[in-house]
Amino acid sequence: MANGGAAEVVRLDELDRRILEILQEDARRSRAEIGRDVGLSAAAVHERIKKLERAGVIRQYVALLDPEKAGCDLLAFVQVFIEHPRHEAMLLREVVAMPEVQECHRITGAATVLLKVRAPDRRGLQRLILDRFNAMEGIRGTETVLVLSTAKETPRLHLNFDGSASR
């Protein structure tokens, strides 16, 4: 989990944003194809992408899987209530190492942490919550919300900050 501190914001010009939008749509596109779309040479696109990678704007390239087809159909959000702040660092290390945990966020409110988890079925989720989360020292309890359906789920970041619609 990233620390809560402020990261250095990288200045993105319009060409960087356009390149990033294209890569978020399909990271397999060639530098030449991207260059044609943004009006740059393949070499110039390559250099901009390398700069964005070095700056940490582009963290990695991944394949997005269909959870249902991959057998991880059950999606839940789990609020974790921690007994005392001294337990937090150890608990976070353990939780982020669990493959079922897709996201882990420190939050405001009564709970300390919000987890996005996927499991193959209700039994898998039950084992995760009862046998692993609730068995961890320092967890006072959990509250789980099951997702019935999803209207929108995207890993894409909106990069048009001027109020205009995304391309």
N, C-alpha and C. Protein backbone atom coordinates (compact mmCIF):
# COMPACT_ATOMS: atom_id res chain seq x y z
N MET A 1 0.86 -1.16 0.00
CA MET A 1 0.00 0.00 0.00
C MET A 1 0.90 1.22 0.00
N ALA A 2 0.62 2.15 -0.89
CA ALA A 2 1.41 3.37 -0.94
C ALA A 2 1.22 4.15 0.34
N ASN A 3 2.28 4.84 0.75
CA ASN A 3 2.12 5.63 1.96
C ASN A 3 1.17 6.77 1.68
N GLY A 4 0.64 7.37 2.71
CA GLY A 4 -0.35 8.42 2.55
C GLY A 4 0.23 9.76 2.20
N GLY A 5 1.55 9.84 2.04
CA GLY A 5 2.20 11.11 1.74
C GLY A 5 1.92 11.58 0.33
N ALA A 6 2.20 12.84 0.11
CA ALA A 6 1.97 13.43 -1.21
C ALA A 6 3.09 13.03 -2.15
N ALA A 7 2.72 12.45 -3.28
CA ALA A 7 3.70 12.08 -4.30
C ALA A 7 4.00 13.31 -5.16
N GLU A 8 5.17 13.32 -5.74
CA GLU A 8 5.51 14.41 -6.66
C GLU A 8 4.69 14.23 -7.93
N VAL A 9 3.94 15.26 -8.28
CA VAL A 9 3.11 15.21 -9.48
C VAL A 9 3.98 15.50 -10.69
N VAL A 10 3.87 14.64 -11.68
CA VAL A 10 4.63 14.79 -12.92
C VAL A 10 3.81 15.67 -13.87
N ARG A 11 4.44 16.68 -14.42
CA ARG A 11 3.75 17.55 -15.38
C ARG A 11 3.55 16.80 -16.69
N LEU A 12 2.30 16.70 -17.10
CA LEU A 12 1.96 16.03 -18.36
C LEU A 12 1.47 17.06 -19.35
N ASP A 13 2.06 17.07 -20.53
CA ASP A 13 1.53 17.96 -21.56
C ASP A 13 0.44 17.20 -22.33
N GLU A 14 -0.17 17.88 -23.28
CA GLU A 14 -1.28 17.28 -24.02
C GLU A 14 -0.86 16.01 -24.75
N LEU A 15 0.34 15.99 -25.33
CA LEU A 15 0.80 14.78 -26.03
C LEU A 15 1.00 13.62 -25.05
N ASP A 16 1.56 13.90 -23.87
CA ASP A 16 1.70 12.84 -22.86
C ASP A 16 0.34 12.27 -22.51
N ARG A 17 -0.64 13.15 -22.28
CA ARG A 17 -1.99 12.69 -21.90
C ARG A 17 -2.60 11.85 -23.02
N ARG A 18 -2.43 12.27 -24.26
CA ARG A 18 -2.99 11.51 -25.38
C ARG A 18 -2.32 10.14 -25.49
N ILE A 19 -1.01 10.10 -25.32
CA ILE A 19 -0.29 8.82 -25.36
C ILE A 19 -0.76 7.92 -24.23
N LEU A 20 -0.91 8.47 -23.04
CA LEU A 20 -1.37 7.68 -21.90
C LEU A 20 -2.79 7.17 -22.09
N GLU A 21 -3.66 7.98 -22.67
CA GLU A 21 -5.03 7.53 -22.95
C GLU A 21 -5.01 6.33 -23.90
N ILE A 22 -4.18 6.41 -24.94
CA ILE A 22 -4.07 5.31 -25.91
C ILE A 22 -3.53 4.06 -25.23
N LEU A 23 -2.49 4.20 -24.43
CA LEU A 23 -1.91 3.04 -23.74
C LEU A 23 -2.90 2.42 -22.75
N GLN A 24 -3.71 3.26 -22.10
CA GLN A 24 -4.71 2.71 -21.17
C GLN A 24 -5.78 1.93 -21.92
N GLU A 25 -6.05 2.32 -23.15
CA GLU A 25 -7.03 1.60 -23.96
C GLU A 25 -6.44 0.29 -24.48
N ASP A 26 -5.19 0.33 -24.97
CA ASP A 26 -4.54 -0.86 -25.51
C ASP A 26 -3.03 -0.68 -25.46
N ALA A 27 -2.39 -1.23 -24.46
CA ALA A 27 -0.95 -1.06 -24.26
C ALA A 27 -0.13 -1.85 -25.28
N ARG A 28 -0.78 -2.68 -26.09
CA ARG A 28 -0.05 -3.46 -27.10
C ARG A 28 0.13 -2.70 -28.41
N ARG A 29 -0.46 -1.53 -28.51
CA ARG A 29 -0.31 -0.76 -29.76
C ARG A 29 1.14 -0.40 -29.97
N SER A 30 1.56 -0.43 -31.22
CA SER A 30 2.97 -0.12 -31.53
C SER A 30 3.23 1.37 -31.37
N ARG A 31 4.50 1.70 -31.19
CA ARG A 31 4.90 3.11 -31.07
C ARG A 31 4.56 3.85 -32.36
N ALA A 32 4.68 3.17 -33.51
CA ALA A 32 4.36 3.79 -34.79
C ALA A 32 2.87 4.12 -34.88
N GLU A 33 2.01 3.18 -34.46
CA GLU A 33 0.56 3.43 -34.48
C GLU A 33 0.20 4.60 -33.57
N ILE A 34 0.77 4.61 -32.38
CA ILE A 34 0.50 5.71 -31.45
C ILE A 34 0.99 7.02 -32.05
N GLY A 35 2.17 6.99 -32.65
CA GLY A 35 2.73 8.18 -33.28
C GLY A 35 1.81 8.75 -34.35
N ARG A 36 1.23 7.87 -35.18
CA ARG A 36 0.30 8.33 -36.21
C ARG A 36 -0.90 9.03 -35.57
N ASP A 37 -1.39 8.49 -34.45
CA ASP A 37 -2.56 9.08 -33.80
C ASP A 37 -2.28 10.42 -33.15
N VAL A 38 -1.05 10.62 -32.68
CA VAL A 38 -0.74 11.86 -31.95
C VAL A 38 0.14 12.82 -32.74
N GLY A 39 0.57 12.41 -33.94
CA GLY A 39 1.37 13.29 -34.78
C GLY A 39 2.85 13.34 -34.42
N LEU A 40 3.39 12.23 -33.94
CA LEU A 40 4.81 12.14 -33.60
C LEU A 40 5.43 10.94 -34.30
N SER A 41 6.75 10.93 -34.38
CA SER A 41 7.45 9.75 -34.90
C SER A 41 7.41 8.64 -33.86
N ALA A 42 7.64 7.42 -34.30
CA ALA A 42 7.70 6.28 -33.38
C ALA A 42 8.80 6.50 -32.35
N ALA A 43 9.93 7.05 -32.77
CA ALA A 43 11.05 7.29 -31.85
C ALA A 43 10.67 8.31 -30.79
N ALA A 44 9.95 9.36 -31.18
CA ALA A 44 9.53 10.38 -30.21
C ALA A 44 8.54 9.80 -29.21
N VAL A 45 7.62 8.96 -29.69
CA VAL A 45 6.67 8.30 -28.80
C VAL A 45 7.42 7.39 -27.83
N HIS A 46 8.38 6.64 -28.35
CA HIS A 46 9.18 5.74 -27.51
C HIS A 46 9.87 6.53 -26.39
N GLU A 47 10.48 7.65 -26.73
CA GLU A 47 11.17 8.47 -25.73
C GLU A 47 10.21 9.02 -24.68
N ARG A 48 9.03 9.45 -25.11
CA ARG A 48 8.04 9.96 -24.15
C ARG A 48 7.57 8.84 -23.22
N ILE A 49 7.33 7.67 -23.77
CA ILE A 49 6.89 6.54 -22.94
C ILE A 49 7.99 6.17 -21.95
N LYS A 50 9.23 6.12 -22.39
CA LYS A 50 10.35 5.81 -21.48
C LYS A 50 10.43 6.85 -20.36
N LYS A 51 10.24 8.13 -20.70
CA LYS A 51 10.27 9.20 -19.70
C LYS A 51 9.14 9.00 -18.68
N LEU A 52 7.95 8.63 -19.16
CA LEU A 52 6.81 8.40 -18.27
C LEU A 52 7.03 7.17 -17.39
N GLU A 53 7.69 6.16 -17.92
CA GLU A 53 8.03 4.97 -17.12
C GLU A 53 9.04 5.33 -16.04
N ARG A 54 10.10 6.04 -16.42
CA ARG A 54 11.14 6.43 -15.44
C ARG A 54 10.57 7.31 -14.33
N ALA A 55 9.61 8.17 -14.68
CA ALA A 55 9.00 9.07 -13.70
C ALA A 55 7.98 8.35 -12.82
N GLY A 56 7.66 7.09 -13.17
CA GLY A 56 6.70 6.33 -12.37
C GLY A 56 5.25 6.58 -12.72
N VAL A 57 4.99 7.37 -13.76
CA VAL A 57 3.61 7.59 -14.19
C VAL A 57 3.04 6.27 -14.71
N ILE A 58 3.82 5.57 -15.53
CA ILE A 58 3.46 4.22 -15.98
C ILE A 58 4.17 3.26 -15.04
N ARG A 59 3.38 2.55 -14.23
CA ARG A 59 3.97 1.62 -13.26
C ARG A 59 4.23 0.25 -13.85
N GLN A 60 3.29 -0.24 -14.66
CA GLN A 60 3.45 -1.57 -15.25
C GLN A 60 2.42 -1.77 -16.35
N TYR A 61 2.62 -2.82 -17.12
CA TYR A 61 1.68 -3.22 -18.17
C TYR A 61 1.12 -4.58 -17.75
N VAL A 62 -0.21 -4.71 -17.77
CA VAL A 62 -0.83 -5.95 -17.31
C VAL A 62 -1.95 -6.38 -18.26
N ALA A 63 -2.31 -7.65 -18.19
CA ALA A 63 -3.49 -8.16 -18.88
C ALA A 63 -4.66 -8.06 -17.91
N LEU A 64 -5.78 -7.52 -18.36
CA LEU A 64 -6.97 -7.43 -17.51
C LEU A 64 -7.82 -8.67 -17.74
N LEU A 65 -8.05 -9.41 -16.68
CA LEU A 65 -8.78 -10.67 -16.78
C LEU A 65 -10.25 -10.46 -16.45
N ASP A 66 -11.09 -11.30 -17.02
CA ASP A 66 -12.50 -11.32 -16.68
C ASP A 66 -12.63 -12.19 -15.43
N PRO A 67 -12.98 -11.61 -14.28
CA PRO A 67 -13.01 -12.38 -13.02
C PRO A 67 -13.95 -13.58 -13.08
N GLU A 68 -15.10 -13.42 -13.72
CA GLU A 68 -16.06 -14.52 -13.79
C GLU A 68 -15.48 -15.68 -14.59
N LYS A 69 -14.90 -15.39 -15.74
CA LYS A 69 -14.33 -16.44 -16.58
C LYS A 69 -13.09 -17.07 -15.95
N ALA A 70 -12.41 -16.31 -15.09
CA ALA A 70 -11.21 -16.82 -14.42
C ALA A 70 -11.55 -17.53 -13.11
N GLY A 71 -12.84 -17.62 -12.77
CA GLY A 71 -13.25 -18.36 -11.58
C GLY A 71 -13.18 -17.58 -10.28
N CYS A 72 -13.16 -16.27 -10.36
CA CYS A 72 -13.15 -15.42 -9.15
C CYS A 72 -14.35 -14.49 -9.20
N ASP A 73 -15.52 -15.08 -9.25
CA ASP A 73 -16.75 -14.35 -9.51
C ASP A 73 -17.24 -13.52 -8.32
N LEU A 74 -16.90 -13.92 -7.09
CA LEU A 74 -17.44 -13.23 -5.92
C LEU A 74 -16.57 -12.03 -5.57
N LEU A 75 -17.19 -10.85 -5.57
CA LEU A 75 -16.51 -9.60 -5.23
C LEU A 75 -17.11 -9.06 -3.95
N ALA A 76 -16.24 -8.66 -3.03
CA ALA A 76 -16.71 -8.10 -1.76
C ALA A 76 -15.79 -6.97 -1.33
N PHE A 77 -16.35 -6.08 -0.54
CA PHE A 77 -15.57 -5.04 0.12
C PHE A 77 -15.61 -5.34 1.61
N VAL A 78 -14.45 -5.37 2.23
CA VAL A 78 -14.35 -5.72 3.64
C VAL A 78 -13.76 -4.54 4.40
N GLN A 79 -14.53 -4.05 5.37
CA GLN A 79 -14.00 -3.03 6.26
C GLN A 79 -13.34 -3.75 7.43
N VAL A 80 -12.13 -3.33 7.76
CA VAL A 80 -11.37 -3.96 8.84
C VAL A 80 -11.26 -2.96 9.99
N PHE A 81 -11.66 -3.42 11.17
CA PHE A 81 -11.60 -2.61 12.38
C PHE A 81 -10.41 -3.10 13.20
N ILE A 82 -9.44 -2.22 13.40
CA ILE A 82 -8.21 -2.58 14.10
C ILE A 82 -8.32 -2.15 15.56
N GLU A 83 -7.87 -3.04 16.46
CA GLU A 83 -7.95 -2.77 17.90
C GLU A 83 -7.16 -1.55 18.33
N HIS A 84 -5.93 -1.45 17.84
CA HIS A 84 -5.03 -0.38 18.28
C HIS A 84 -4.09 -0.03 17.13
N PRO A 85 -3.75 1.25 16.98
CA PRO A 85 -2.86 1.65 15.88
C PRO A 85 -1.53 0.90 15.84
N ARG A 86 -1.06 0.40 16.96
CA ARG A 86 0.23 -0.31 16.96
C ARG A 86 0.18 -1.60 16.12
N HIS A 87 -1.02 -2.12 15.88
CA HIS A 87 -1.18 -3.35 15.07
C HIS A 87 -1.23 -3.06 13.57
N GLU A 88 -1.41 -1.81 13.21
CA GLU A 88 -1.72 -1.48 11.82
C GLU A 88 -0.64 -1.89 10.82
N ALA A 89 0.60 -1.54 11.06
CA ALA A 89 1.66 -1.83 10.09
C ALA A 89 1.80 -3.33 9.84
N MET A 90 1.78 -4.13 10.90
CA MET A 90 1.90 -5.58 10.75
C MET A 90 0.70 -6.15 9.98
N LEU A 91 -0.49 -5.69 10.33
CA LEU A 91 -1.69 -6.17 9.66
C LEU A 91 -1.68 -5.81 8.18
N LEU A 92 -1.26 -4.59 7.88
CA LEU A 92 -1.23 -4.18 6.47
C LEU A 92 -0.25 -5.04 5.68
N ARG A 93 0.90 -5.34 6.26
CA ARG A 93 1.87 -6.21 5.56
C ARG A 93 1.25 -7.57 5.26
N GLU A 94 0.55 -8.14 6.23
CA GLU A 94 -0.06 -9.46 6.04
C GLU A 94 -1.18 -9.41 5.00
N VAL A 95 -2.03 -8.40 5.10
CA VAL A 95 -3.19 -8.31 4.22
C VAL A 95 -2.77 -8.07 2.77
N VAL A 96 -1.82 -7.18 2.53
CA VAL A 96 -1.44 -6.90 1.14
C VAL A 96 -0.72 -8.08 0.50
N ALA A 97 -0.23 -9.01 1.29
CA ALA A 97 0.42 -10.21 0.75
C ALA A 97 -0.59 -11.27 0.32
N MET A 98 -1.85 -11.11 0.70
CA MET A 98 -2.88 -12.10 0.36
C MET A 98 -3.32 -11.91 -1.10
N PRO A 99 -3.24 -12.96 -1.91
CA PRO A 99 -3.59 -12.81 -3.33
C PRO A 99 -5.06 -12.46 -3.57
N GLU A 100 -5.94 -12.80 -2.64
CA GLU A 100 -7.36 -12.49 -2.81
C GLU A 100 -7.65 -11.00 -2.66
N VAL A 101 -6.75 -10.28 -2.00
CA VAL A 101 -6.94 -8.85 -1.77
C VAL A 101 -6.45 -8.09 -3.00
N GLN A 102 -7.37 -7.46 -3.70
CA GLN A 102 -7.02 -6.69 -4.90
C GLN A 102 -6.65 -5.26 -4.56
N GLU A 103 -7.28 -4.69 -3.56
CA GLU A 103 -7.00 -3.32 -3.16
C GLU A 103 -7.04 -3.24 -1.64
N CYS A 104 -6.23 -2.35 -1.10
CA CYS A 104 -6.17 -2.13 0.34
C CYS A 104 -6.01 -0.63 0.57
N HIS A 105 -6.98 -0.03 1.26
CA HIS A 105 -6.99 1.42 1.45
C HIS A 105 -7.15 1.76 2.93
N ARG A 106 -6.35 2.70 3.44
CA ARG A 106 -6.59 3.29 4.76
C ARG A 106 -7.72 4.28 4.55
N ILE A 107 -8.70 4.26 5.45
CA ILE A 107 -9.88 5.10 5.26
C ILE A 107 -10.22 5.87 6.53
N THR A 108 -11.11 6.84 6.37
CA THR A 108 -11.64 7.56 7.52
C THR A 108 -12.88 6.84 8.01
N GLY A 109 -13.31 7.16 9.20
CA GLY A 109 -14.50 6.54 9.76
C GLY A 109 -14.15 5.52 10.82
N ALA A 110 -15.12 4.70 11.18
CA ALA A 110 -14.93 3.73 12.26
C ALA A 110 -13.92 2.65 11.89
N ALA A 111 -13.96 2.21 10.64
CA ALA A 111 -13.00 1.20 10.18
C ALA A 111 -11.68 1.88 9.84
N THR A 112 -10.61 1.10 9.90
CA THR A 112 -9.28 1.62 9.57
C THR A 112 -8.91 1.35 8.13
N VAL A 113 -9.34 0.19 7.63
CA VAL A 113 -8.91 -0.28 6.31
C VAL A 113 -10.13 -0.77 5.53
N LEU A 114 -10.12 -0.51 4.22
CA LEU A 114 -11.13 -1.05 3.31
C LEU A 114 -10.41 -1.92 2.29
N LEU A 115 -10.88 -3.16 2.16
CA LEU A 115 -10.27 -4.12 1.23
C LEU A 115 -11.26 -4.45 0.12
N LYS A 116 -10.74 -4.56 -1.09
CA LYS A 116 -11.50 -5.12 -2.20
C LYS A 116 -10.96 -6.52 -2.40
N VAL A 117 -11.83 -7.52 -2.24
CA VAL A 117 -11.37 -8.91 -2.32
C VAL A 117 -12.20 -9.68 -3.34
N ARG A 118 -11.57 -10.67 -3.93
CA ARG A 118 -12.26 -11.59 -4.85
C ARG A 118 -12.04 -13.00 -4.36
N ALA A 119 -13.08 -13.79 -4.48
CA ALA A 119 -13.02 -15.20 -4.08
C ALA A 119 -13.80 -16.00 -5.12
N PRO A 120 -13.54 -17.31 -5.19
CA PRO A 120 -14.26 -18.12 -6.17
C PRO A 120 -15.74 -18.28 -5.83
N ASP A 121 -16.06 -18.26 -4.53
CA ASP A 121 -17.44 -18.49 -4.11
C ASP A 121 -17.60 -18.05 -2.65
N ARG A 122 -18.82 -18.26 -2.10
CA ARG A 122 -19.09 -17.86 -0.70
C ARG A 122 -18.20 -18.59 0.28
N ARG A 123 -17.95 -19.87 0.04
CA ARG A 123 -17.07 -20.62 0.95
C ARG A 123 -15.66 -20.05 0.97
N GLY A 124 -15.16 -19.69 -0.20
CA GLY A 124 -13.83 -19.09 -0.28
C GLY A 124 -13.77 -17.78 0.47
N LEU A 125 -14.82 -16.98 0.34
CA LEU A 125 -14.87 -15.71 1.07
C LEU A 125 -14.97 -15.96 2.57
N GLN A 126 -15.77 -16.94 2.95
CA GLN A 126 -15.92 -17.27 4.38
C GLN A 126 -14.58 -17.70 4.97
N ARG A 127 -13.84 -18.54 4.25
CA ARG A 127 -12.51 -18.96 4.74
C ARG A 127 -11.58 -17.76 4.89
N LEU A 128 -11.62 -16.88 3.90
CA LEU A 128 -10.76 -15.70 3.94
C LEU A 128 -11.07 -14.83 5.16
N ILE A 129 -12.35 -14.58 5.40
CA ILE A 129 -12.73 -13.70 6.51
C ILE A 129 -12.55 -14.39 7.86
N LEU A 130 -13.10 -15.58 8.02
CA LEU A 130 -13.07 -16.24 9.33
C LEU A 130 -11.71 -16.83 9.67
N ASP A 131 -11.11 -17.52 8.73
CA ASP A 131 -9.86 -18.22 9.03
C ASP A 131 -8.63 -17.34 8.93
N ARG A 132 -8.71 -16.29 8.13
CA ARG A 132 -7.50 -15.48 7.95
C ARG A 132 -7.63 -14.09 8.56
N PHE A 133 -8.63 -13.31 8.12
CA PHE A 133 -8.74 -11.95 8.66
C PHE A 133 -9.03 -11.96 10.16
N ASN A 134 -10.10 -12.63 10.54
CA ASN A 134 -10.52 -12.58 11.95
C ASN A 134 -9.58 -13.33 12.88
N ALA A 135 -8.72 -14.17 12.33
CA ALA A 135 -7.74 -14.89 13.16
C ALA A 135 -6.48 -14.06 13.39
N MET A 136 -6.35 -12.94 12.68
CA MET A 136 -5.15 -12.12 12.82
C MET A 136 -5.20 -11.32 14.12
N GLU A 137 -4.07 -11.30 14.81
CA GLU A 137 -3.98 -10.52 16.04
C GLU A 137 -4.11 -9.04 15.70
N GLY A 138 -4.92 -8.35 16.47
CA GLY A 138 -5.08 -6.92 16.28
C GLY A 138 -6.32 -6.52 15.51
N ILE A 139 -7.00 -7.49 14.89
CA ILE A 139 -8.25 -7.17 14.20
C ILE A 139 -9.40 -7.36 15.18
N ARG A 140 -10.11 -6.28 15.42
CA ARG A 140 -11.26 -6.30 16.33
C ARG A 140 -12.47 -6.91 15.64
N GLY A 141 -12.56 -6.74 14.33
CA GLY A 141 -13.68 -7.29 13.58
C GLY A 141 -13.66 -6.82 12.15
N THR A 142 -14.59 -7.36 11.36
CA THR A 142 -14.72 -6.97 9.96
C THR A 142 -16.19 -6.77 9.65
N GLU A 143 -16.45 -6.01 8.62
CA GLU A 143 -17.80 -5.86 8.09
C GLU A 143 -17.70 -6.02 6.58
N THR A 144 -18.45 -6.97 6.04
CA THR A 144 -18.32 -7.32 4.63
C THR A 144 -19.57 -6.94 3.85
N VAL A 145 -19.36 -6.37 2.67
CA VAL A 145 -20.43 -6.03 1.76
C VAL A 145 -20.21 -6.84 0.48
N LEU A 146 -21.20 -7.64 0.09
CA LEU A 146 -21.11 -8.42 -1.14
C LEU A 146 -21.62 -7.58 -2.31
N VAL A 147 -20.95 -7.67 -3.43
CA VAL A 147 -21.36 -6.95 -4.64
C VAL A 147 -22.30 -7.85 -5.42
N LEU A 148 -23.50 -7.35 -5.71
CA LEU A 148 -24.48 -8.11 -6.48
C LEU A 148 -24.24 -7.96 -7.98
N SER A 149 -23.94 -6.75 -8.41
CA SER A 149 -23.61 -6.51 -9.81
C SER A 149 -22.75 -5.25 -9.88
N THR A 150 -22.04 -5.12 -10.99
CA THR A 150 -21.13 -3.99 -11.16
C THR A 150 -21.52 -3.21 -12.40
N ALA A 151 -21.81 -1.93 -12.24
CA ALA A 151 -22.17 -1.07 -13.36
C ALA A 151 -20.92 -0.53 -14.06
N LYS A 152 -19.86 -0.28 -13.29
CA LYS A 152 -18.62 0.23 -13.88
C LYS A 152 -17.45 -0.20 -13.02
N GLU A 153 -16.43 -0.69 -13.69
CA GLU A 153 -15.17 -1.03 -13.02
C GLU A 153 -14.08 -0.81 -14.06
N THR A 154 -13.20 0.11 -13.81
CA THR A 154 -12.15 0.41 -14.79
C THR A 154 -10.85 0.73 -14.09
N PRO A 155 -9.75 0.30 -14.66
CA PRO A 155 -8.44 0.68 -14.12
C PRO A 155 -7.94 2.00 -14.72
N ARG A 156 -8.69 2.55 -15.68
CA ARG A 156 -8.25 3.75 -16.39
C ARG A 156 -8.37 4.99 -15.53
N LEU A 157 -7.37 5.87 -15.65
CA LEU A 157 -7.40 7.18 -14.99
C LEU A 157 -7.89 8.22 -15.97
N HIS A 158 -8.73 9.10 -15.51
CA HIS A 158 -9.22 10.22 -16.31
C HIS A 158 -8.14 11.30 -16.29
N LEU A 159 -7.62 11.66 -17.44
CA LEU A 159 -6.49 12.60 -17.52
C LEU A 159 -6.86 13.96 -18.08
N ASN A 160 -8.11 14.18 -18.45
CA ASN A 160 -8.55 15.49 -18.95
C ASN A 160 -9.03 16.31 -17.77
N PHE A 161 -8.19 17.20 -17.29
CA PHE A 161 -8.53 17.96 -16.10
C PHE A 161 -9.14 19.32 -16.41
N ASP A 162 -9.37 19.62 -17.67
CA ASP A 162 -9.88 20.94 -18.04
C ASP A 162 -11.40 20.98 -18.08
N GLY A 163 -12.06 19.90 -17.71
CA GLY A 163 -13.52 19.87 -17.69
C GLY A 163 -14.14 19.32 -18.96
N SER A 164 -13.33 19.12 -20.00
CA SER A 164 -13.87 18.57 -21.23
C SER A 164 -14.01 17.06 -21.12
N ALA A 165 -14.82 16.49 -21.96
CA ALA A 165 -15.03 15.04 -21.93
C ALA A 165 -13.78 14.31 -22.40
N SER A 166 -13.56 13.11 -21.87
CA SER A 166 -12.44 12.28 -22.32
C SER A 166 -12.66 11.88 -23.76
N ARG A 167 -11.56 11.62 -24.42
CA ARG A 167 -11.64 11.15 -25.81
C ARG A 167 -11.98 9.70 -25.83
